[in-house]
Amino acid sequence: MTTSTALPEEVAKFSALADQWWDPQGPFRPLHKLNPARLLFIRDRLAAHFGRDVETRMPFKGLTLLDIGCGGGLTAEPMARLGFRVTAIDASEENVGVARVHAERMDLDITYEAATPEQLMARGVKFDAVLALEVVEHVTDVDAFLAASAACVGADGAFVTATLNRTLKSLALGKIAAEYILRWVPAGTHDWRKFVRPSELARGLRRAGLDLQKMEGVHYDVMTDRWRLGPDLDVNYMAYAKKAAA
């Protein structure tokens, strides 16, 4: 039997909101606002990793990508448009159903499946690139999740993740302000105790056989109402790693 790091109460929480994934003013509004910065980091890191020119049409054509914890497909769809052959998984059947229908409406060929990285690891499937965005802070065991995710990264492949740091600043901004003051996300969306410090993430990646290459913060610019990349890792941050040499 394959053990899963998916936390049932977390799956249920996001399943209950599944039909609102593509509402830019709904409960997932912060992800819609955050997505341009996330996509910029992913695109640029993967372009450098695979030697692709982002100025060309569908620069990642011929490469495969796995999106773990895909939700409604907010990242899977842009990745498909960039040329990746995308497989996207989520532990929630409801999320996958919404994502599949939306992709069909957009005429995008994305393989969606209600599954966990542990299940894919058991099958031995590999991808050129693997994404796990805003997932690690919702699992039962971060190291086990990273190990299963890393097992899906093929030789010479790349891994990108995004999460929240466990700091007093993130407690104030990423939890209290976001959920109870600004109401950006529903109350109870996050458990601050499960936020992951960069040192913990780096250690987990190393144990999973991935070499950390870059970390970059993602911060909200109140003057422009946009999220931007920068050096501050205190709240939201992203990481890019590559498969360690055998």
C-alpha atoms as a PDB file:
ATOM      1  CA  MET A   1       0.000   0.000   0.000  1.00  0.00           C
ATOM      2  CA  THR A   2       1.319   3.448  -0.936  1.00  0.00           C
ATOM      3  CA  THR A   3       1.357   5.938   1.928  1.00  0.00           C
ATOM      4  CA  SER A   4       0.073   9.408   1.058  1.00  0.00           C
ATOM      5  CA  THR A   5       1.211  12.731   2.510  1.00  0.00           C
ATOM      6  CA  ALA A   6      -2.116  14.311   1.520  1.00  0.00           C
ATOM      7  CA  LEU A   7      -3.914  15.600   4.617  1.00  0.00           C
ATOM      8  CA  PRO A   8      -7.636  14.652   4.388  1.00  0.00           C
ATOM      9  CA  GLU A   9      -8.900  17.814   6.097  1.00  0.00           C
ATOM     10  CA  GLU A  10      -6.818  19.973   3.742  1.00  0.00           C
ATOM     11  CA  VAL A  11      -8.168  18.102   0.693  1.00  0.00           C
ATOM     12  CA  ALA A  12     -11.729  18.567   1.972  1.00  0.00           C
ATOM     13  CA  LYS A  13     -11.139  22.266   2.581  1.00  0.00           C
ATOM     14  CA  PHE A  14     -10.097  22.968  -1.011  1.00  0.00           C
ATOM     15  CA  SER A  15     -12.633  20.519  -2.475  1.00  0.00           C
ATOM     16  CA  ALA A  16     -15.396  22.608  -0.916  1.00  0.00           C
ATOM     17  CA  LEU A  17     -14.190  25.622  -2.907  1.00  0.00           C
ATOM     18  CA  ALA A  18     -13.522  23.758  -6.160  1.00  0.00           C
ATOM     19  CA  ASP A  19     -16.165  25.467  -8.286  1.00  0.00           C
ATOM     20  CA  GLN A  20     -14.657  28.885  -7.508  1.00  0.00           C
ATOM     21  CA  TRP A  21     -11.109  28.303  -8.775  1.00  0.00           C
ATOM     22  CA  TRP A  22     -11.535  30.409 -11.910  1.00  0.00           C
ATOM     23  CA  ASP A  23     -13.382  33.325 -10.276  1.00  0.00           C
ATOM     24  CA  PRO A  24     -10.738  36.093 -10.125  1.00  0.00           C
ATOM     25  CA  GLN A  25     -12.740  37.852  -7.402  1.00  0.00           C
ATOM     26  CA  GLY A  26     -13.509  34.691  -5.403  1.00  0.00           C
ATOM     27  CA  PRO A  27     -11.622  32.883  -2.625  1.00  0.00           C
ATOM     28  CA  PHE A  28      -8.699  32.172  -4.942  1.00  0.00           C
ATOM     29  CA  ARG A  29      -8.254  35.821  -5.906  1.00  0.00           C
ATOM     30  CA  PRO A  30      -4.811  35.939  -4.198  1.00  0.00           C
ATOM     31  CA  LEU A  31      -3.558  33.127  -6.447  1.00  0.00           C
ATOM     32  CA  HIS A  32      -4.817  34.927  -9.540  1.00  0.00           C
ATOM     33  CA  LYS A  33      -2.911  38.029  -8.398  1.00  0.00           C
ATOM     34  CA  LEU A  34       0.161  36.004  -7.412  1.00  0.00           C
ATOM     35  CA  ASN A  35       0.294  33.915 -10.577  1.00  0.00           C
ATOM     36  CA  PRO A  36       2.141  36.374 -12.881  1.00  0.00           C
ATOM     37  CA  ALA A  37       5.104  36.553 -10.472  1.00  0.00           C
ATOM     38  CA  ARG A  38       5.088  32.794  -9.942  1.00  0.00           C
ATOM     39  CA  LEU A  39       4.945  32.119 -13.674  1.00  0.00           C
ATOM     40  CA  LEU A  40       7.811  34.538 -14.331  1.00  0.00           C
ATOM     41  CA  PHE A  41      10.034  32.700 -11.852  1.00  0.00           C
ATOM     42  CA  ILE A  42       9.088  29.291 -13.278  1.00  0.00           C
ATOM     43  CA  ARG A  43       9.493  30.336 -16.907  1.00  0.00           C
ATOM     44  CA  ASP A  44      12.861  32.003 -16.444  1.00  0.00           C
ATOM     45  CA  ARG A  45      14.354  29.286 -14.233  1.00  0.00           C
ATOM     46  CA  LEU A  46      13.217  26.482 -16.520  1.00  0.00           C
ATOM     47  CA  ALA A  47      14.293  28.336 -19.664  1.00  0.00           C
ATOM     48  CA  ALA A  48      17.792  28.681 -18.233  1.00  0.00           C
ATOM     49  CA  HIS A  49      17.791  25.066 -17.056  1.00  0.00           C
ATOM     50  CA  PHE A  50      16.757  23.607 -20.406  1.00  0.00           C
ATOM     51  CA  GLY A  51      18.455  26.211 -22.611  1.00  0.00           C
ATOM     52  CA  ARG A  52      15.215  27.482 -24.127  1.00  0.00           C
ATOM     53  CA  ASP A  53      14.488  30.929 -25.600  1.00  0.00           C
ATOM     54  CA  VAL A  54      11.383  32.440 -24.005  1.00  0.00           C
ATOM     55  CA  GLU A  55      10.980  34.802 -26.962  1.00  0.00           C
ATOM     56  CA  THR A  56      10.051  31.887 -29.221  1.00  0.00           C
ATOM     57  CA  ARG A  57       6.548  30.476 -29.535  1.00  0.00           C
ATOM     58  CA  MET A  58       5.965  27.542 -27.173  1.00  0.00           C
ATOM     59  CA  PRO A  59       9.591  27.522 -25.960  1.00  0.00           C
ATOM     60  CA  PHE A  60       9.217  24.319 -23.942  1.00  0.00           C
ATOM     61  CA  LYS A  61       7.797  22.172 -26.728  1.00  0.00           C
ATOM     62  CA  GLY A  62       8.957  18.580 -26.444  1.00  0.00           C
ATOM     63  CA  LEU A  63       9.346  18.678 -22.647  1.00  0.00           C
ATOM     64  CA  THR A  64       7.095  17.083 -20.039  1.00  0.00           C
ATOM     65  CA  LEU A  65       5.903  18.749 -16.843  1.00  0.00           C
ATOM     66  CA  LEU A  66       4.103  17.508 -13.741  1.00  0.00           C
ATOM     67  CA  ASP A  67       2.036  19.986 -11.695  1.00  0.00           C
ATOM     68  CA  ILE A  68       1.482  18.557  -8.191  1.00  0.00           C
ATOM     69  CA  GLY A  69      -1.474  19.940  -6.270  1.00  0.00           C
ATOM     70  CA  CYS A  70      -2.765  21.606  -9.409  1.00  0.00           C
ATOM     71  CA  GLY A  71      -6.045  22.837  -7.926  1.00  0.00           C
ATOM     72  CA  GLY A  72      -8.207  24.230 -10.704  1.00  0.00           C
ATOM     73  CA  GLY A  73      -5.343  24.415 -13.203  1.00  0.00           C
ATOM     74  CA  LEU A  74      -4.201  28.014 -12.716  1.00  0.00           C
ATOM     75  CA  THR A  75      -0.584  27.042 -13.405  1.00  0.00           C
ATOM     76  CA  ALA A  76      -1.091  23.946 -15.545  1.00  0.00           C
ATOM     77  CA  GLU A  77      -2.834  25.920 -18.294  1.00  0.00           C
ATOM     78  CA  PRO A  78      -0.101  28.570 -18.792  1.00  0.00           C
ATOM     79  CA  MET A  79       2.517  25.813 -18.737  1.00  0.00           C
ATOM     80  CA  ALA A  80       0.649  24.023 -21.527  1.00  0.00           C
ATOM     81  CA  ARG A  81       0.505  27.253 -23.516  1.00  0.00           C
ATOM     82  CA  LEU A  82       4.289  27.542 -23.159  1.00  0.00           C
ATOM     83  CA  GLY A  83       4.644  24.194 -24.894  1.00  0.00           C
ATOM     84  CA  PHE A  84       5.017  21.688 -22.071  1.00  0.00           C
ATOM     85  CA  ARG A  85       3.164  18.390 -22.300  1.00  0.00           C
ATOM     86  CA  VAL A  86       1.439  18.755 -18.946  1.00  0.00           C
ATOM     87  CA  THR A  87       0.241  16.174 -16.476  1.00  0.00           C
ATOM     88  CA  ALA A  88      -1.495  17.740 -13.471  1.00  0.00           C
ATOM     89  CA  ILE A  89      -2.514  15.933 -10.308  1.00  0.00           C
ATOM     90  CA  ASP A  90      -4.456  16.827  -7.180  1.00  0.00           C
ATOM     91  CA  ALA A  91      -5.666  14.777  -4.234  1.00  0.00           C
ATOM     92  CA  SER A  92      -9.125  16.321  -4.672  1.00  0.00           C
ATOM     93  CA  GLU A  93     -11.450  14.751  -7.259  1.00  0.00           C
ATOM     94  CA  GLU A  94     -13.484  17.966  -7.264  1.00  0.00           C
ATOM     95  CA  ASN A  95     -10.493  20.135  -8.124  1.00  0.00           C
ATOM     96  CA  VAL A  96      -9.453  17.821 -10.944  1.00  0.00           C
ATOM     97  CA  GLY A  97     -12.988  17.816 -12.350  1.00  0.00           C
ATOM     98  CA  VAL A  98     -13.108  21.611 -12.459  1.00  0.00           C
ATOM     99  CA  ALA A  99      -9.624  21.820 -13.979  1.00  0.00           C
ATOM    100  CA  ARG A 100     -10.419  19.256 -16.664  1.00  0.00           C
ATOM    101  CA  VAL A 101     -13.604  21.026 -17.753  1.00  0.00           C
ATOM    102  CA  HIS A 102     -11.876  24.424 -17.893  1.00  0.00           C
ATOM    103  CA  ALA A 103      -8.981  23.057 -19.957  1.00  0.00           C
ATOM    104  CA  GLU A 104     -11.421  21.534 -22.420  1.00  0.00           C
ATOM    105  CA  ARG A 105     -13.181  24.888 -22.760  1.00  0.00           C
ATOM    106  CA  MET A 106      -9.796  26.514 -23.452  1.00  0.00           C
ATOM    107  CA  ASP A 107      -8.972  23.764 -26.000  1.00  0.00           C
ATOM    108  CA  LEU A 108      -5.877  22.749 -24.026  1.00  0.00           C
ATOM    109  CA  ASP A 109      -4.615  19.165 -23.979  1.00  0.00           C
ATOM    110  CA  ILE A 110      -3.723  18.572 -20.319  1.00  0.00           C
ATOM    111  CA  THR A 111      -3.771  15.190 -18.597  1.00  0.00           C
ATOM    112  CA  TYR A 112      -5.532  15.608 -15.247  1.00  0.00           C
ATOM    113  CA  GLU A 113      -5.686  12.920 -12.589  1.00  0.00           C
ATOM    114  CA  ALA A 114      -6.842  12.691  -8.981  1.00  0.00           C
ATOM    115  CA  ALA A 115      -3.611  11.333  -7.556  1.00  0.00           C
ATOM    116  CA  THR A 116      -0.714  12.006  -5.191  1.00  0.00           C
ATOM    117  CA  PRO A 117       3.018  12.131  -5.958  1.00  0.00           C
ATOM    118  CA  GLU A 118       3.411   8.945  -3.919  1.00  0.00           C
ATOM    119  CA  GLN A 119       1.165   7.124  -6.394  1.00  0.00           C
ATOM    120  CA  LEU A 120       3.158   8.409  -9.366  1.00  0.00           C
ATOM    121  CA  MET A 121       6.404   7.504  -7.616  1.00  0.00           C
ATOM    122  CA  ALA A 122       5.108   3.946  -7.205  1.00  0.00           C
ATOM    123  CA  ARG A 123       4.493   3.801 -10.951  1.00  0.00           C
ATOM    124  CA  GLY A 124       8.005   5.028 -11.695  1.00  0.00           C
ATOM    125  CA  VAL A 125       6.889   7.830 -14.015  1.00  0.00           C
ATOM    126  CA  LYS A 126       9.363  10.667 -14.683  1.00  0.00           C
ATOM    127  CA  PHE A 127       9.038  14.222 -15.982  1.00  0.00           C
ATOM    128  CA  ASP A 128      11.469  16.849 -17.232  1.00  0.00           C
ATOM    129  CA  ALA A 129      10.054  19.413 -14.809  1.00  0.00           C
ATOM    130  CA  VAL A 130       7.984  19.071 -11.643  1.00  0.00           C
ATOM    131  CA  LEU A 131       6.076  21.882  -9.894  1.00  0.00           C
ATOM    132  CA  ALA A 132       4.654  21.887  -6.374  1.00  0.00           C
ATOM    133  CA  LEU A 133       3.229  25.331  -5.664  1.00  0.00           C
ATOM    134  CA  GLU A 134       1.619  26.225  -2.334  1.00  0.00           C
ATOM    135  CA  VAL A 135       1.422  22.536  -1.444  1.00  0.00           C
ATOM    136  CA  VAL A 136       4.202  21.707   1.008  1.00  0.00           C
ATOM    137  CA  GLU A 137       2.559  23.715   3.804  1.00  0.00           C
ATOM    138  CA  HIS A 138      -0.547  21.514   3.515  1.00  0.00           C
ATOM    139  CA  VAL A 139       0.959  17.998   3.718  1.00  0.00           C
ATOM    140  CA  THR A 140       1.460  15.614   6.631  1.00  0.00           C
ATOM    141  CA  ASP A 141       5.225  15.189   6.183  1.00  0.00           C
ATOM    142  CA  VAL A 142       7.264  17.720   4.194  1.00  0.00           C
ATOM    143  CA  ASP A 143      10.335  15.516   3.735  1.00  0.00           C
ATOM    144  CA  ALA A 144       8.253  12.542   2.590  1.00  0.00           C
ATOM    145  CA  PHE A 145       6.334  14.764   0.170  1.00  0.00           C
ATOM    146  CA  LEU A 146       9.562  16.191  -1.258  1.00  0.00           C
ATOM    147  CA  ALA A 147      11.011  12.701  -1.617  1.00  0.00           C
ATOM    148  CA  ALA A 148       7.968  11.513  -3.585  1.00  0.00           C
ATOM    149  CA  SER A 149       7.970  14.648  -5.730  1.00  0.00           C
ATOM    150  CA  ALA A 150      11.706  14.384  -6.417  1.00  0.00           C
ATOM    151  CA  ALA A 151      11.268  10.767  -7.461  1.00  0.00           C
ATOM    152  CA  CYS A 152       9.120  12.046 -10.336  1.00  0.00           C
ATOM    153  CA  VAL A 153      11.924  14.317 -11.623  1.00  0.00           C
ATOM    154  CA  GLY A 154      13.790  12.695 -14.487  1.00  0.00           C
ATOM    155  CA  ALA A 155      17.545  12.726 -15.036  1.00  0.00           C
ATOM    156  CA  ASP A 156      18.746  16.293 -15.684  1.00  0.00           C
ATOM    157  CA  GLY A 157      15.281  17.478 -14.649  1.00  0.00           C
ATOM    158  CA  ALA A 158      14.159  20.501 -12.619  1.00  0.00           C
ATOM    159  CA  PHE A 159      11.912  21.057  -9.616  1.00  0.00           C
ATOM    160  CA  VAL A 160      10.169  24.286  -8.605  1.00  0.00           C
ATOM    161  CA  THR A 161       8.201  24.864  -5.423  1.00  0.00           C
ATOM    162  CA  ALA A 162       6.521  27.798  -3.680  1.00  0.00           C
ATOM    163  CA  THR A 163       5.539  28.061  -0.038  1.00  0.00           C
ATOM    164  CA  LEU A 164       5.455  30.335   3.029  1.00  0.00           C
ATOM    165  CA  ASN A 165       8.222  30.885   5.552  1.00  0.00           C
ATOM    166  CA  ARG A 166       7.546  30.300   9.268  1.00  0.00           C
ATOM    167  CA  THR A 167       8.421  33.693  10.733  1.00  0.00           C
ATOM    168  CA  LEU A 168       6.679  36.238  12.925  1.00  0.00           C
ATOM    169  CA  LYS A 169       6.307  38.396   9.820  1.00  0.00           C
ATOM    170  CA  SER A 170       4.540  35.578   7.973  1.00  0.00           C
ATOM    171  CA  LEU A 171       2.285  35.001  10.993  1.00  0.00           C
ATOM    172  CA  ALA A 172       1.293  38.667  10.893  1.00  0.00           C
ATOM    173  CA  LEU A 173       0.969  39.029   7.113  1.00  0.00           C
ATOM    174  CA  GLY A 174       0.506  35.550   5.644  1.00  0.00           C
ATOM    175  CA  LYS A 175      -1.917  34.330   8.290  1.00  0.00           C
ATOM    176  CA  ILE A 176      -3.562  37.025  10.435  1.00  0.00           C
ATOM    177  CA  ALA A 177      -3.729  39.871   7.894  1.00  0.00           C
ATOM    178  CA  ALA A 178      -4.473  37.691   4.849  1.00  0.00           C
ATOM    179  CA  GLU A 179      -7.222  35.656   6.528  1.00  0.00           C
ATOM    180  CA  TYR A 180      -8.770  37.892   9.192  1.00  0.00           C
ATOM    181  CA  ILE A 181      -8.087  41.531   8.278  1.00  0.00           C
ATOM    182  CA  LEU A 182      -7.799  41.786   4.488  1.00  0.00           C
ATOM    183  CA  ARG A 183      -9.932  38.666   3.939  1.00  0.00           C
ATOM    184  CA  TRP A 184      -7.789  37.671   0.949  1.00  0.00           C
ATOM    185  CA  VAL A 185      -8.386  33.993   1.702  1.00  0.00           C
ATOM    186  CA  PRO A 186     -10.983  32.203   3.849  1.00  0.00           C
ATOM    187  CA  ALA A 187     -10.189  32.003   7.569  1.00  0.00           C
ATOM    188  CA  GLY A 188      -8.452  28.740   8.383  1.00  0.00           C
ATOM    189  CA  THR A 189      -6.834  28.350   4.961  1.00  0.00           C
ATOM    190  CA  HIS A 190      -3.382  28.077   6.513  1.00  0.00           C
ATOM    191  CA  ASP A 191      -1.845  26.671   9.668  1.00  0.00           C
ATOM    192  CA  TRP A 192       1.171  28.870  10.439  1.00  0.00           C
ATOM    193  CA  ARG A 193       2.813  26.003  12.314  1.00  0.00           C
ATOM    194  CA  LYS A 194       3.049  24.116   9.018  1.00  0.00           C
ATOM    195  CA  PHE A 195       4.822  26.931   7.156  1.00  0.00           C
ATOM    196  CA  VAL A 196       8.294  25.851   5.991  1.00  0.00           C
ATOM    197  CA  ARG A 197      11.515  27.708   6.686  1.00  0.00           C
ATOM    198  CA  PRO A 198      13.975  27.970   3.771  1.00  0.00           C
ATOM    199  CA  SER A 199      16.559  25.976   5.760  1.00  0.00           C
ATOM    200  CA  GLU A 200      14.017  23.181   6.279  1.00  0.00           C
ATOM    201  CA  LEU A 201      13.084  23.181   2.612  1.00  0.00           C
ATOM    202  CA  ALA A 202      16.743  23.144   1.539  1.00  0.00           C
ATOM    203  CA  ARG A 203      17.438  20.205   3.842  1.00  0.00           C
ATOM    204  CA  GLY A 204      14.413  18.305   2.539  1.00  0.00           C
ATOM    205  CA  LEU A 205      15.410  18.915  -1.077  1.00  0.00           C
ATOM    206  CA  ARG A 206      18.940  17.702  -0.394  1.00  0.00           C
ATOM    207  CA  ARG A 207      17.686  14.532   1.281  1.00  0.00           C
ATOM    208  CA  ALA A 208      15.380  13.961  -1.700  1.00  0.00           C
ATOM    209  CA  GLY A 209      18.291  14.068  -4.151  1.00  0.00           C
ATOM    210  CA  LEU A 210      17.780  17.594  -5.446  1.00  0.00           C
ATOM    211  CA  ASP A 211      20.398  20.364  -5.569  1.00  0.00           C
ATOM    212  CA  LEU A 212      18.955  23.740  -4.577  1.00  0.00           C
ATOM    213  CA  GLN A 213      19.946  26.385  -7.133  1.00  0.00           C
ATOM    214  CA  LYS A 214      17.965  29.492  -6.238  1.00  0.00           C
ATOM    215  CA  MET A 215      15.445  30.887  -3.781  1.00  0.00           C
ATOM    216  CA  GLU A 216      13.536  34.098  -4.367  1.00  0.00           C
ATOM    217  CA  GLY A 217      10.918  35.924  -2.355  1.00  0.00           C
ATOM    218  CA  VAL A 218       7.510  37.002  -3.624  1.00  0.00           C
ATOM    219  CA  HIS A 219       6.143  40.138  -2.005  1.00  0.00           C
ATOM    220  CA  TYR A 220       3.019  42.261  -2.396  1.00  0.00           C
ATOM    221  CA  ASP A 221       3.534  45.811  -3.670  1.00  0.00           C
ATOM    222  CA  VAL A 222       0.696  47.826  -2.196  1.00  0.00           C
ATOM    223  CA  MET A 223       1.428  50.792  -4.483  1.00  0.00           C
ATOM    224  CA  THR A 224       0.827  48.811  -7.670  1.00  0.00           C
ATOM    225  CA  ASP A 225      -1.477  46.094  -6.281  1.00  0.00           C
ATOM    226  CA  ARG A 226       0.902  43.504  -7.741  1.00  0.00           C
ATOM    227  CA  TRP A 227       3.110  40.705  -6.505  1.00  0.00           C
ATOM    228  CA  ARG A 228       6.802  41.019  -7.342  1.00  0.00           C
ATOM    229  CA  LEU A 229       9.891  38.849  -7.073  1.00  0.00           C
ATOM    230  CA  GLY A 230      12.661  40.005  -4.757  1.00  0.00           C
ATOM    231  CA  PRO A 231      15.257  38.971  -2.171  1.00  0.00           C
ATOM    232  CA  ASP A 232      12.949  39.011   0.879  1.00  0.00           C
ATOM    233  CA  LEU A 233      12.144  35.406   1.881  1.00  0.00           C
ATOM    234  CA  ASP A 234      10.329  36.330   5.106  1.00  0.00           C
ATOM    235  CA  VAL A 235       6.804  35.476   3.912  1.00  0.00           C
ATOM    236  CA  ASN A 236       6.217  33.976   0.448  1.00  0.00           C
ATOM    237  CA  TYR A 237       9.124  32.465  -1.452  1.00  0.00           C
ATOM    238  CA  MET A 238       9.945  30.145  -4.334  1.00  0.00           C
ATOM    239  CA  ALA A 239      12.760  27.666  -4.889  1.00  0.00           C
ATOM    240  CA  TYR A 240      14.306  26.047  -7.946  1.00  0.00           C
ATOM    241  CA  ALA A 241      16.359  22.858  -7.712  1.00  0.00           C
ATOM    242  CA  LYS A 242      17.813  20.385 -10.163  1.00  0.00           C
ATOM    243  CA  LYS A 243      18.250  16.647 -10.013  1.00  0.00           C
ATOM    244  CA  ALA A 244      21.485  15.807  -8.246  1.00  0.00           C
ATOM    245  CA  ALA A 245      24.115  13.958 -10.241  1.00  0.00           C
ATOM    246  CA  ALA A 246      23.952  10.208  -9.688  1.00  0.00           C
END
